[in-house]
Every structure is written in C-alpha cells, then in structure tokens.
C-alpha cells in the first residue's frame, strides 16, 4: 500500500501542469520566479497528499496554493486544469502500479 501511494507519477505531472498554469496567470500581473527544484518538490508532496481516486486532487491544489504563496481562491481555477488532466493522470497512476507489480514478480522469480 505504501508503494502504491508513493508511485503516483500522473499526479506529479498534473501538479507540475497546475503550478505552471498558476505561474502564467500570476505572472500577467506580477513577475514570479520559482525554481524547477521547488516545482518538483511541491509536486511530489502534492501527489502524496491527494486521494488516490479520480477527482481527489482538491487537497493537493490547496496545498500547492498554500506552499507557493498563491491565494487560496486560485484553487478554484485549478479545477479547470484538474478536470482536463485527471483522466490521463489516473491512467498513468494505475498503469504504473501494474508495471511495478510485474517487475516485483519478475525479480522474485529470479532469486
């Protein structure tokens, strides 16, 4: 169960898309500079927080806004992006669980 919760690449990718979307919206009024490491770190933390269910990302969106200092009202704007990237992210998350299970099975048979 811990590995399944940690291996949410689709959630990380969608969090990166959401952060970049917020940066584009906010940079129209005030320039903002966030390092790539910060974006990746916040995305990984956000993917751990979100529920492993479709449309379970609102917690992560609020976390992104609070860690990066965005207004919490912008989390509503992220729902638009979440709707678009939710299905591909869920497919990636569930698909990689199958790949991880097959890999563990192959490694156990090699012993």
PDB file of N, CA and C in Angstrom:
ATOM      1  N   UNK A   1       0.817  -1.222   0.000  1.00  0.00           N
ATOM      2  CA  UNK A   1       0.000   0.000   0.000  1.00  0.00           C
ATOM      3  C   UNK A   1       0.850   1.271   0.000  1.00  0.00           C
ATOM      4  N   UNK A   2       1.979   1.253   0.701  1.00  0.00           N
ATOM      5  CA  UNK A   2       2.828   2.451   0.736  1.00  0.00           C
ATOM      6  C   UNK A   2       3.400   2.744  -0.643  1.00  0.00           C
ATOM      7  N   UNK A   3       3.837   1.704  -1.334  1.00  0.00           N
ATOM      8  CA  UNK A   3       4.387   1.886  -2.675  1.00  0.00           C
ATOM      9  C   UNK A   3       3.349   2.395  -3.648  1.00  0.00           C
ATOM     10  N   UNK A   4       2.133   1.920  -3.518  1.00  0.00           N
ATOM     11  CA  UNK A   4       1.062   2.383  -4.390  1.00  0.00           C
ATOM     12  C   UNK A   4       0.791   3.858  -4.158  1.00  0.00           C
ATOM     13  N   UNK A   5       0.865   4.293  -2.929  1.00  0.00           N
ATOM     14  CA  UNK A   5       0.624   5.703  -2.627  1.00  0.00           C
ATOM     15  C   UNK A   5       1.789   6.584  -3.066  1.00  0.00           C
ATOM     16  N   UNK A   6       3.002   6.052  -3.045  1.00  0.00           N
ATOM     17  CA  UNK A   6       4.164   6.845  -3.420  1.00  0.00           C
ATOM     18  C   UNK A   6       4.356   6.917  -4.935  1.00  0.00           C
ATOM     19  N   UNK A   7       3.907   5.920  -5.665  1.00  0.00           N
ATOM     20  CA  UNK A   7       4.123   5.880  -7.117  1.00  0.00           C
ATOM     21  C   UNK A   7       2.948   6.494  -7.849  1.00  0.00           C
ATOM     22  N   UNK A   8       2.815   7.793  -7.754  1.00  0.00           N
ATOM     23  CA  UNK A   8       1.730   8.488  -8.440  1.00  0.00           C
ATOM     24  C   UNK A   8       2.327   9.494  -9.411  1.00  0.00           C
ATOM     25  N   UNK A   9       2.965   8.973 -10.466  1.00  0.00           N
ATOM     26  CA  UNK A   9       3.595   9.849 -11.445  1.00  0.00           C
ATOM     27  C   UNK A   9       2.580  10.735 -12.149  1.00  0.00           C
ATOM     28  N   UNK A  10       1.403  10.212 -12.414  1.00  0.00           N
ATOM     29  CA  UNK A  10       0.368  11.018 -13.063  1.00  0.00           C
ATOM     30  C   UNK A  10      -0.026  12.212 -12.213  1.00  0.00           C
ATOM     31  N   UNK A  11      -0.072  12.019 -10.909  1.00  0.00           N
ATOM     32  CA  UNK A  11      -0.406  13.122 -10.009  1.00  0.00           C
ATOM     33  C   UNK A  11       0.710  14.155  -9.978  1.00  0.00           C
ATOM     34  N   UNK A  12       1.965  13.693 -10.050  1.00  0.00           N
ATOM     35  CA  UNK A  12       3.095  14.630 -10.076  1.00  0.00           C
ATOM     36  C   UNK A  12       3.056  15.448 -11.363  1.00  0.00           C
ATOM     37  N   UNK A  13       2.828  14.788 -12.484  1.00  0.00           N
ATOM     38  CA  UNK A  13       2.776  15.500 -13.765  1.00  0.00           C
ATOM     39  C   UNK A  13       1.638  16.518 -13.766  1.00  0.00           C
ATOM     40  N   UNK A  14       0.476  16.123 -13.250  1.00  0.00           N
ATOM     41  CA  UNK A  14      -0.645  17.064 -13.228  1.00  0.00           C
ATOM     42  C   UNK A  14      -0.371  18.225 -12.276  1.00  0.00           C
ATOM     43  N   UNK A  15       0.334  17.985 -11.177  1.00  0.00           N
ATOM     44  CA  UNK A  15       0.678  19.074 -10.257  1.00  0.00           C
ATOM     45  C   UNK A  15       1.643  20.054 -10.918  1.00  0.00           C
ATOM     46  N   UNK A  16       2.589  19.536 -11.706  1.00  0.00           N
ATOM     47  CA  UNK A  16       3.505  20.426 -12.430  1.00  0.00           C
ATOM     48  C   UNK A  16       2.711  21.297 -13.409  1.00  0.00           C
ATOM     49  N   UNK A  17       1.771  20.703 -14.111  1.00  0.00           N
ATOM     50  CA  UNK A  17       0.945  21.469 -15.053  1.00  0.00           C
ATOM     51  C   UNK A  17       0.155  22.548 -14.305  1.00  0.00           C
ATOM     52  N   UNK A  18      -0.372  22.206 -13.143  1.00  0.00           N
ATOM     53  CA  UNK A  18      -1.143  23.184 -12.361  1.00  0.00           C
ATOM     54  C   UNK A  18      -0.262  24.325 -11.873  1.00  0.00           C
ATOM     55  N   UNK A  19       0.959  24.008 -11.422  1.00  0.00           N
ATOM     56  CA  UNK A  19       1.863  25.056 -10.944  1.00  0.00           C
ATOM     57  C   UNK A  19       2.253  25.993 -12.087  1.00  0.00           C
ATOM     58  N   UNK A  20       2.563  25.422 -13.234  1.00  0.00           N
ATOM     59  CA  UNK A  20       2.920  26.260 -14.385  1.00  0.00           C
ATOM     60  C   UNK A  20       1.730  27.121 -14.802  1.00  0.00           C
ATOM     61  N   UNK A  21       0.539  26.560 -14.761  1.00  0.00           N
ATOM     62  CA  UNK A  21      -0.675  27.318 -15.073  1.00  0.00           C
ATOM     63  C   UNK A  21      -0.826  28.497 -14.112  1.00  0.00           C
ATOM     64  N   UNK A  22      -0.625  28.260 -12.820  1.00  0.00           N
ATOM     65  CA  UNK A  22      -0.716  29.348 -11.841  1.00  0.00           C
ATOM     66  C   UNK A  22       0.348  30.407 -12.083  1.00  0.00           C
ATOM     67  N   UNK A  23       1.554  29.961 -12.415  1.00  0.00           N
ATOM     68  CA  UNK A  23       2.625  30.920 -12.673  1.00  0.00           C
ATOM     69  C   UNK A  23       2.302  31.806 -13.867  1.00  0.00           C
ATOM     70  N   UNK A  24       1.692  31.233 -14.895  1.00  0.00           N
ATOM     71  CA  UNK A  24       1.324  32.020 -16.081  1.00  0.00           C
ATOM     72  C   UNK A  24       0.232  33.027 -15.735  1.00  0.00           C
ATOM     73  N   UNK A  25      -0.743  32.591 -14.948  1.00  0.00           N
ATOM     74  CA  UNK A  25      -1.831  33.506 -14.561  1.00  0.00           C
ATOM     75  C   UNK A  25      -1.294  34.647 -13.705  1.00  0.00           C
ATOM     76  N   UNK A  26      -0.480  34.326 -12.714  1.00  0.00           N
ATOM     77  CA  UNK A  26       0.007  35.339 -11.783  1.00  0.00           C
ATOM     78  C   UNK A  26       1.051  36.238 -12.440  1.00  0.00           C
ATOM     79  N   UNK A  27       1.854  35.689 -13.343  1.00  0.00           N
ATOM     80  CA  UNK A  27       2.905  36.498 -13.970  1.00  0.00           C
ATOM     81  C   UNK A  27       2.330  37.591 -14.867  1.00  0.00           C
ATOM     82  N   UNK A  28       1.063  37.492 -15.213  1.00  0.00           N
ATOM     83  CA  UNK A  28       0.446  38.552 -16.006  1.00  0.00           C
ATOM     84  C   UNK A  28       0.349  39.842 -15.200  1.00  0.00           C
ATOM     85  N   UNK A  29       0.231  39.729 -13.877  1.00  0.00           N
ATOM     86  CA  UNK A  29       0.130  40.924 -13.028  1.00  0.00           C
ATOM     87  C   UNK A  29       1.437  41.240 -12.304  1.00  0.00           C
ATOM     88  N   UNK A  30       2.147  40.189 -11.875  1.00  0.00           N
ATOM     89  CA  UNK A  30       3.429  40.416 -11.198  1.00  0.00           C
ATOM     90  C   UNK A  30       4.369  39.265 -11.546  1.00  0.00           C
ATOM     91  N   UNK A  31       5.574  39.584 -12.041  1.00  0.00           N
ATOM     92  CA  UNK A  31       6.509  38.519 -12.409  1.00  0.00           C
ATOM     93  C   UNK A  31       6.860  37.645 -11.210  1.00  0.00           C
ATOM     94  N   UNK A  32       6.996  36.352 -11.475  1.00  0.00           N
ATOM     95  CA  UNK A  32       7.253  35.403 -10.408  1.00  0.00           C
ATOM     96  C   UNK A  32       8.326  34.432 -10.857  1.00  0.00           C
ATOM     97  N   UNK A  33       9.201  34.091  -9.943  1.00  0.00           N
ATOM     98  CA  UNK A  33      10.268  33.164 -10.298  1.00  0.00           C
ATOM     99  C   UNK A  33      10.308  32.038  -9.260  1.00  0.00           C
ATOM    100  N   UNK A  34      10.073  30.831  -9.723  1.00  0.00           N
ATOM    101  CA  UNK A  34      10.131  29.641  -8.871  1.00  0.00           C
ATOM    102  C   UNK A  34      11.084  28.673  -9.538  1.00  0.00           C
ATOM    103  N   UNK A  35      11.985  28.078  -8.756  1.00  0.00           N
ATOM    104  CA  UNK A  35      12.974  27.171  -9.337  1.00  0.00           C
ATOM    105  C   UNK A  35      12.323  25.845  -9.733  1.00  0.00           C
ATOM    106  N   UNK A  36      12.969  25.151 -10.648  1.00  0.00           N
ATOM    107  CA  UNK A  36      12.470  23.853 -11.106  1.00  0.00           C
ATOM    108  C   UNK A  36      12.470  22.851  -9.956  1.00  0.00           C
ATOM    109  N   UNK A  37      13.465  22.936  -9.069  1.00  0.00           N
ATOM    110  CA  UNK A  37      13.511  22.038  -7.910  1.00  0.00           C
ATOM    111  C   UNK A  37      12.304  22.255  -7.003  1.00  0.00           C
ATOM    112  N   UNK A  38      11.937  23.516  -6.784  1.00  0.00           N
ATOM    113  CA  UNK A  38      10.776  23.819  -5.950  1.00  0.00           C
ATOM    114  C   UNK A  38       9.502  23.287  -6.579  1.00  0.00           C
ATOM    115  N   UNK A  39       9.377  23.450  -7.889  1.00  0.00           N
ATOM    116  CA  UNK A  39       8.194  22.930  -8.585  1.00  0.00           C
ATOM    117  C   UNK A  39       8.110  21.420  -8.426  1.00  0.00           C
ATOM    118  N   UNK A  40       9.225  20.726  -8.608  1.00  0.00           N
ATOM    119  CA  UNK A  40       9.233  19.268  -8.483  1.00  0.00           C
ATOM    120  C   UNK A  40       8.938  18.835  -7.055  1.00  0.00           C
ATOM    121  N   UNK A  41       9.553  19.504  -6.081  1.00  0.00           N
ATOM    122  CA  UNK A  41       9.343  19.144  -4.680  1.00  0.00           C
ATOM    123  C   UNK A  41       7.876  19.319  -4.289  1.00  0.00           C
ATOM    124  N   UNK A  42       7.293  20.467  -4.635  1.00  0.00           N
ATOM    125  CA  UNK A  42       5.883  20.724  -4.308  1.00  0.00           C
ATOM    126  C   UNK A  42       4.982  19.730  -5.027  1.00  0.00           C
ATOM    127  N   UNK A  43       5.325  19.355  -6.254  1.00  0.00           N
ATOM    128  CA  UNK A  43       4.515  18.387  -6.998  1.00  0.00           C
ATOM    129  C   UNK A  43       4.538  17.016  -6.340  1.00  0.00           C
ATOM    130  N   UNK A  44       5.692  16.582  -5.878  1.00  0.00           N
ATOM    131  CA  UNK A  44       5.791  15.274  -5.213  1.00  0.00           C
ATOM    132  C   UNK A  44       5.006  15.281  -3.911  1.00  0.00           C
ATOM    133  N   UNK A  45       5.159  16.347  -3.115  1.00  0.00           N
ATOM    134  CA  UNK A  45       4.409  16.439  -1.859  1.00  0.00           C
ATOM    135  C   UNK A  45       2.910  16.480  -2.139  1.00  0.00           C
ATOM    136  N   UNK A  46       2.528  17.221  -3.152  1.00  0.00           N
ATOM    137  CA  UNK A  46       1.113  17.304  -3.515  1.00  0.00           C
ATOM    138  C   UNK A  46       0.564  15.949  -3.946  1.00  0.00           C
ATOM    139  N   UNK A  47       1.366  15.168  -4.671  1.00  0.00           N
ATOM    140  CA  UNK A  47       0.880  13.861  -5.120  1.00  0.00           C
ATOM    141  C   UNK A  47       0.724  12.889  -3.964  1.00  0.00           C
ATOM    142  N   UNK A  48       1.486  13.068  -2.908  1.00  0.00           N
ATOM    143  CA  UNK A  48       1.336  12.209  -1.731  1.00  0.00           C
ATOM    144  C   UNK A  48       0.063  12.561  -0.976  1.00  0.00           C
ATOM    145  N   UNK A  49      -0.293  13.845  -0.975  1.00  0.00           N
ATOM    146  CA  UNK A  49      -1.440  14.313  -0.210  1.00  0.00           C
ATOM    147  C   UNK A  49      -2.770  13.966  -0.873  1.00  0.00           C
ATOM    148  N   UNK A  50      -2.814  13.986  -2.203  1.00  0.00           N
ATOM    149  CA  UNK A  50      -4.099  13.793  -2.885  1.00  0.00           C
ATOM    150  C   UNK A  50      -4.613  12.380  -2.695  1.00  0.00           C
ATOM    151  N   UNK A  51      -5.918  12.247  -2.726  1.00  0.00           N
ATOM    152  CA  UNK A  51      -6.527  10.934  -2.641  1.00  0.00           C
ATOM    153  C   UNK A  51      -6.314  10.164  -3.925  1.00  0.00           C
ATOM    154  N   UNK A  52      -6.125   8.876  -3.803  1.00  0.00           N
ATOM    155  CA  UNK A  52      -5.857   8.040  -4.975  1.00  0.00           C
ATOM    156  C   UNK A  52      -7.162   7.624  -5.644  1.00  0.00           C
ATOM    157  N   UNK A  53      -8.006   8.600  -5.893  1.00  0.00           N
ATOM    158  CA  UNK A  53      -9.278   8.376  -6.561  1.00  0.00           C
ATOM    159  C   UNK A  53      -9.431   9.435  -7.644  1.00  0.00           C
ATOM    160  N   UNK A  54     -10.204   9.158  -8.675  1.00  0.00           N
ATOM    161  CA  UNK A  54     -10.461  10.214  -9.660  1.00  0.00           C
ATOM    162  C   UNK A  54     -11.139  11.419  -9.001  1.00  0.00           C
ATOM    163  N   UNK A  55     -10.728  12.589  -9.389  1.00  0.00           N
ATOM    164  CA  UNK A  55     -11.220  13.863  -8.838  1.00  0.00           C
ATOM    165  C   UNK A  55     -10.896  14.026  -7.360  1.00  0.00           C
ATOM    166  N   UNK A  56      -9.832  13.416  -6.901  1.00  0.00           N
ATOM    167  CA  UNK A  56      -9.446  13.536  -5.497  1.00  0.00           C
ATOM    168  C   UNK A  56      -8.337  14.532  -5.262  1.00  0.00           C
ATOM    169  N   UNK A  57      -8.121  15.447  -6.192  1.00  0.00           N
ATOM    170  CA  UNK A  57      -6.970  16.326  -6.131  1.00  0.00           C
ATOM    171  C   UNK A  57      -7.178  17.688  -5.498  1.00  0.00           C
ATOM    172  N   UNK A  58      -8.352  17.985  -4.988  1.00  0.00           N
ATOM    173  CA  UNK A  58      -8.578  19.324  -4.434  1.00  0.00           C
ATOM    174  C   UNK A  58      -7.665  19.601  -3.249  1.00  0.00           C
ATOM    175  N   UNK A  59      -7.359  18.598  -2.468  1.00  0.00           N
ATOM    176  CA  UNK A  59      -6.444  18.780  -1.347  1.00  0.00           C
ATOM    177  C   UNK A  59      -5.071  19.211  -1.846  1.00  0.00           C
ATOM    178  N   UNK A  60      -4.609  18.571  -2.902  1.00  0.00           N
ATOM    179  CA  UNK A  60      -3.318  18.916  -3.478  1.00  0.00           C
ATOM    180  C   UNK A  60      -3.304  20.320  -4.060  1.00  0.00           C
ATOM    181  N   UNK A  61      -4.415  20.730  -4.644  1.00  0.00           N
ATOM    182  CA  UNK A  61      -4.488  22.073  -5.215  1.00  0.00           C
ATOM    183  C   UNK A  61      -4.408  23.133  -4.129  1.00  0.00           C
ATOM    184  N   UNK A  62      -5.071  22.893  -3.012  1.00  0.00           N
ATOM    185  CA  UNK A  62      -4.974  23.835  -1.891  1.00  0.00           C
ATOM    186  C   UNK A  62      -3.572  23.839  -1.308  1.00  0.00           C
ATOM    187  N   UNK A  63      -2.923  22.668  -1.270  1.00  0.00           N
ATOM    188  CA  UNK A  63      -1.556  22.592  -0.769  1.00  0.00           C
ATOM    189  C   UNK A  63      -0.594  23.359  -1.675  1.00  0.00           C
ATOM    190  N   UNK A  64      -0.762  23.215  -2.977  1.00  0.00           N
ATOM    191  CA  UNK A  64       0.075  23.949  -3.933  1.00  0.00           C
ATOM    192  C   UNK A  64      -0.059  25.450  -3.699  1.00  0.00           C
ATOM    193  N   UNK A  65      -1.282  25.923  -3.558  1.00  0.00           N
ATOM    194  CA  UNK A  65      -1.505  27.354  -3.348  1.00  0.00           C
ATOM    195  C   UNK A  65      -0.884  27.829  -2.038  1.00  0.00           C
ATOM    196  N   UNK A  66      -1.021  27.029  -0.986  1.00  0.00           N
ATOM    197  CA  UNK A  66      -0.507  27.487   0.302  1.00  0.00           C
ATOM    198  C   UNK A  66       1.021  27.436   0.368  1.00  0.00           C
ATOM    199  N   UNK A  67       1.652  26.399  -0.186  1.00  0.00           N
ATOM    200  CA  UNK A  67       3.114  26.305  -0.127  1.00  0.00           C
ATOM    201  C   UNK A  67       3.764  27.389  -0.975  1.00  0.00           C
ATOM    202  N   UNK A  68       3.244  27.624  -2.157  1.00  0.00           N
ATOM    203  CA  UNK A  68       3.862  28.585  -3.069  1.00  0.00           C
ATOM    204  C   UNK A  68       3.394  30.024  -2.842  1.00  0.00           C
ATOM    205  N   UNK A  69       2.494  30.229  -1.902  1.00  0.00           N
ATOM    206  CA  UNK A  69       2.077  31.577  -1.559  1.00  0.00           C
ATOM    207  C   UNK A  69       1.020  32.168  -2.467  1.00  0.00           C
ATOM    208  N   UNK A  70       0.325  31.330  -3.208  1.00  0.00           N
ATOM    209  CA  UNK A  70      -0.773  31.826  -4.040  1.00  0.00           C
ATOM    210  C   UNK A  70      -2.016  31.991  -3.180  1.00  0.00           C
ATOM    211  N   UNK A  71      -2.926  32.804  -3.650  1.00  0.00           N
ATOM    212  CA  UNK A  71      -4.193  32.983  -2.955  1.00  0.00           C
ATOM    213  C   UNK A  71      -5.003  31.689  -3.013  1.00  0.00           C
ATOM    214  N   UNK A  72      -5.635  31.292  -1.906  1.00  0.00           N
ATOM    215  CA  UNK A  72      -6.433  30.058  -1.916  1.00  0.00           C
ATOM    216  C   UNK A  72      -7.589  30.097  -2.917  1.00  0.00           C
ATOM    217  N   UNK A  73      -8.022  31.303  -3.279  1.00  0.00           N
ATOM    218  CA  UNK A  73      -9.106  31.418  -4.259  1.00  0.00           C
ATOM    219  C   UNK A  73      -8.689  30.897  -5.629  1.00  0.00           C
ATOM    220  N   UNK A  74      -7.380  30.867  -5.896  1.00  0.00           N
ATOM    221  CA  UNK A  74      -6.901  30.359  -7.182  1.00  0.00           C
ATOM    222  C   UNK A  74      -7.053  28.845  -7.305  1.00  0.00           C
ATOM    223  N   UNK A  75      -7.299  28.168  -6.191  1.00  0.00           N
ATOM    224  CA  UNK A  75      -7.509  26.721  -6.245  1.00  0.00           C
ATOM    225  C   UNK A  75      -8.732  26.388  -7.090  1.00  0.00           C
ATOM    226  N   UNK A  76      -9.699  27.279  -7.106  1.00  0.00           N
ATOM    227  CA  UNK A  76     -10.865  27.081  -7.962  1.00  0.00           C
ATOM    228  C   UNK A  76     -10.500  27.099  -9.438  1.00  0.00           C
ATOM    229  N   UNK A  77      -9.525  27.924  -9.800  1.00  0.00           N
ATOM    230  CA  UNK A  77      -9.062  27.958 -11.191  1.00  0.00           C
ATOM    231  C   UNK A  77      -8.371  26.666 -11.570  1.00  0.00           C
ATOM    232  N   UNK A  78      -7.743  26.049 -10.586  1.00  0.00           N
ATOM    233  CA  UNK A  78      -7.048  24.789 -10.855  1.00  0.00           C
ATOM    234  C   UNK A  78      -8.019  23.632 -11.120  1.00  0.00           C
ATOM    235  N   UNK A  79      -9.264  23.794 -10.714  1.00  0.00           N
ATOM    236  CA  UNK A  79     -10.253  22.749 -11.004  1.00  0.00           C
ATOM    237  C   UNK A  79     -10.442  22.560 -12.500  1.00  0.00           C
ATOM    238  N   UNK A  80     -10.291  23.643 -13.259  1.00  0.00           N
ATOM    239  CA  UNK A  80     -10.399  23.533 -14.719  1.00  0.00           C
ATOM    240  C   UNK A  80      -9.283  22.646 -15.257  1.00  0.00           C
ATOM    241  N   UNK A  81      -8.054  22.901 -14.807  1.00  0.00           N
ATOM    242  CA  UNK A  81      -6.922  22.087 -15.237  1.00  0.00           C
ATOM    243  C   UNK A  81      -7.064  20.668 -14.710  1.00  0.00           C
ATOM    244  N   UNK A  82      -7.537  20.530 -13.480  1.00  0.00           N
ATOM    245  CA  UNK A  82      -7.702  19.196 -12.890  1.00  0.00           C
ATOM    246  C   UNK A  82      -8.680  18.350 -13.689  1.00  0.00           C
ATOM    247  N   UNK A  83      -9.731  18.977 -14.187  1.00  0.00           N
ATOM    248  CA  UNK A  83     -10.711  18.249 -14.987  1.00  0.00           C
ATOM    249  C   UNK A  83     -10.085  17.721 -16.276  1.00  0.00           C
ATOM    250  N   UNK A  84      -9.204  18.515 -16.866  1.00  0.00           N
ATOM    251  CA  UNK A  84      -8.582  18.114 -18.122  1.00  0.00           C
ATOM    252  C   UNK A  84      -7.551  17.011 -17.912  1.00  0.00           C
ATOM    253  N   UNK A  85      -6.725  17.115 -16.874  1.00  0.00           N
ATOM    254  CA  UNK A  85      -5.613  16.175 -16.695  1.00  0.00           C
ATOM    255  C   UNK A  85      -5.936  15.000 -15.773  1.00  0.00           C
ATOM    256  N   UNK A  86      -7.139  14.965 -15.207  1.00  0.00           N
ATOM    257  CA  UNK A  86      -7.463  13.928 -14.226  1.00  0.00           C
ATOM    258  C   UNK A  86      -7.489  12.528 -14.824  1.00  0.00           C
ATOM    259  N   UNK A  87      -8.121  12.353 -15.959  1.00  0.00           N
ATOM    260  CA  UNK A  87      -8.227  11.010 -16.548  1.00  0.00           C
ATOM    261  C   UNK A  87      -6.866  10.489 -17.001  1.00  0.00           C
ATOM    262  N   UNK A  88      -6.058  11.269 -17.750  1.00  0.00           N
ATOM    263  CA  UNK A  88      -4.725  10.757 -18.095  1.00  0.00           C
ATOM    264  C   UNK A  88      -3.846  10.497 -16.871  1.00  0.00           C
ATOM    265  N   UNK A  89      -3.965  11.333 -15.830  1.00  0.00           N
ATOM    266  CA  UNK A  89      -3.170  11.122 -14.617  1.00  0.00           C
ATOM    267  C   UNK A  89      -3.587   9.831 -13.915  1.00  0.00           C
ATOM    268  N   UNK A  90      -4.882   9.566 -13.850  1.00  0.00           N
ATOM    269  CA  UNK A  90      -5.357   8.331 -13.227  1.00  0.00           C
ATOM    270  C   UNK A  90      -4.905   7.117 -14.027  1.00  0.00           C
ATOM    271  N   UNK A  91      -4.945   7.210 -15.342  1.00  0.00           N
ATOM    272  CA  UNK A  91      -4.456   6.105 -16.179  1.00  0.00           C
ATOM    273  C   UNK A  91      -2.975   5.837 -15.940  1.00  0.00           C
ATOM    274  N   UNK A  92      -2.188   6.890 -15.861  1.00  0.00           N
ATOM    275  CA  UNK A  92      -0.760   6.723 -15.606  1.00  0.00           C
ATOM    276  C   UNK A  92      -0.511   6.140 -14.223  1.00  0.00           C
ATOM    277  N   UNK A  93      -1.232   6.621 -13.226  1.00  0.00           N
ATOM    278  CA  UNK A  93      -1.070   6.097 -11.860  1.00  0.00           C
ATOM    279  C   UNK A  93      -1.413   4.615 -11.777  1.00  0.00           C
ATOM    280  N   UNK A  94      -2.547   4.219 -12.352  1.00  0.00           N
ATOM    281  CA  UNK A  94      -2.950   2.809 -12.256  1.00  0.00           C
ATOM    282  C   UNK A  94      -2.109   1.924 -13.161  1.00  0.00           C
ATOM    283  N   UNK A  95      -1.701   2.435 -14.300  1.00  0.00           N
ATOM    284  CA  UNK A  95      -0.859   1.647 -15.200  1.00  0.00           C
ATOM    285  C   UNK A  95       0.503   1.348 -14.614  1.00  0.00           C
ATOM    286  N   UNK A  96       1.076   2.319 -13.915  1.00  0.00           N
ATOM    287  CA  UNK A  96       2.391   2.079 -13.338  1.00  0.00           C
ATOM    288  C   UNK A  96       2.328   1.114 -12.169  1.00  0.00           C
ATOM    289  N   UNK A  97       1.176   1.005 -11.509  1.00  0.00           N
ATOM    290  CA  UNK A  97       1.046   0.010 -10.443  1.00  0.00           C
ATOM    291  C   UNK A  97       1.134  -1.404 -11.012  1.00  0.00           C
ATOM    292  N   UNK A  98       0.556  -1.605 -12.187  1.00  0.00           N
ATOM    293  CA  UNK A  98       0.641  -2.909 -12.837  1.00  0.00           C
ATOM    294  C   UNK A  98       2.087  -3.206 -13.230  1.00  0.00           C
ATOM    295  N   UNK A  99       2.762  -2.217 -13.781  1.00  0.00           N
ATOM    296  CA  UNK A  99       4.166  -2.399 -14.171  1.00  0.00           C
ATOM    297  C   UNK A  99       5.020  -2.706 -12.949  1.00  0.00           C
ATOM    298  N   UNK A 100       4.788  -2.014 -11.843  1.00  0.00           N
ATOM    299  CA  UNK A 100       5.555  -2.268 -10.621  1.00  0.00           C
ATOM    300  C   UNK A 100       5.296  -3.681 -10.097  1.00  0.00           C
ATOM    301  N   UNK A 101       4.049  -4.148 -10.169  1.00  0.00           N
ATOM    302  CA  UNK A 101       3.737  -5.496  -9.704  1.00  0.00           C
ATOM    303  C   UNK A 101       4.409  -6.554 -10.569  1.00  0.00           C
ATOM    304  N   UNK A 102       4.413  -6.361 -11.877  1.00  0.00           N
ATOM    305  CA  UNK A 102       5.070  -7.310 -12.781  1.00  0.00           C
ATOM    306  C   UNK A 102       6.578  -7.316 -12.537  1.00  0.00           C
ATOM    307  N   UNK A 103       7.162  -6.141 -12.315  1.00  0.00           N
ATOM    308  CA  UNK A 103       8.592  -6.052 -12.047  1.00  0.00           C
ATOM    309  C   UNK A 103       8.967  -6.769 -10.751  1.00  0.00           C
ATOM    310  N   UNK A 104       8.179  -6.569  -9.704  1.00  0.00           N
ATOM    311  CA  UNK A 104       8.441  -7.270  -8.434  1.00  0.00           C
ATOM    312  C   UNK A 104       8.307  -8.765  -8.617  1.00  0.00           C
ATOM    313  N   UNK A 105       7.316  -9.212  -9.377  1.00  0.00           N
ATOM    314  CA  UNK A 105       7.132 -10.633  -9.635  1.00  0.00           C
ATOM    315  C   UNK A 105       8.342 -11.205 -10.381  1.00  0.00           C
ATOM    316  N   UNK A 106       8.811 -10.508 -11.387  1.00  0.00           N
ATOM    317  CA  UNK A 106       9.991 -10.971 -12.157  1.00  0.00           C
ATOM    318  C   UNK A 106      11.230 -11.032 -11.271  1.00  0.00           C
ATOM    319  N   UNK A 107      11.427 -10.033 -10.422  1.00  0.00           N
ATOM    320  CA  UNK A 107      12.592 -10.019  -9.546  1.00  0.00           C
ATOM    321  C   UNK A 107      12.541 -11.136  -8.511  1.00  0.00           C
ATOM    322  N   UNK A 108      11.334 -11.447  -8.027  1.00  0.00           N
ATOM    323  CA  UNK A 108      11.198 -12.542  -7.053  1.00  0.00           C
ATOM    324  C   UNK A 108      11.435 -13.894  -7.691  1.00  0.00           C
ATOM    325  N   UNK A 109      11.056 -14.060  -8.944  1.00  0.00           N
ATOM    326  CA  UNK A 109      11.279 -15.342  -9.639  1.00  0.00           C
ATOM    327  C   UNK A 109      12.752 -15.524  -9.981  1.00  0.00           C
ATOM    328  N   UNK A 110      13.491 -14.425 -10.115  1.00  0.00           N
ATOM    329  CA  UNK A 110      14.918 -14.517 -10.462  1.00  0.00           C
ATOM    330  C   UNK A 110      15.758 -15.051  -9.298  1.00  0.00           C
ATOM    331  N   UNK A 111      15.257 -14.939  -8.072  1.00  0.00           N
ATOM    332  CA  UNK A 111      16.001 -15.403  -6.900  1.00  0.00           C
ATOM    333  C   UNK A 111      15.944 -16.867  -6.864  1.00  0.00           C
TER     334      UNK A 111
END
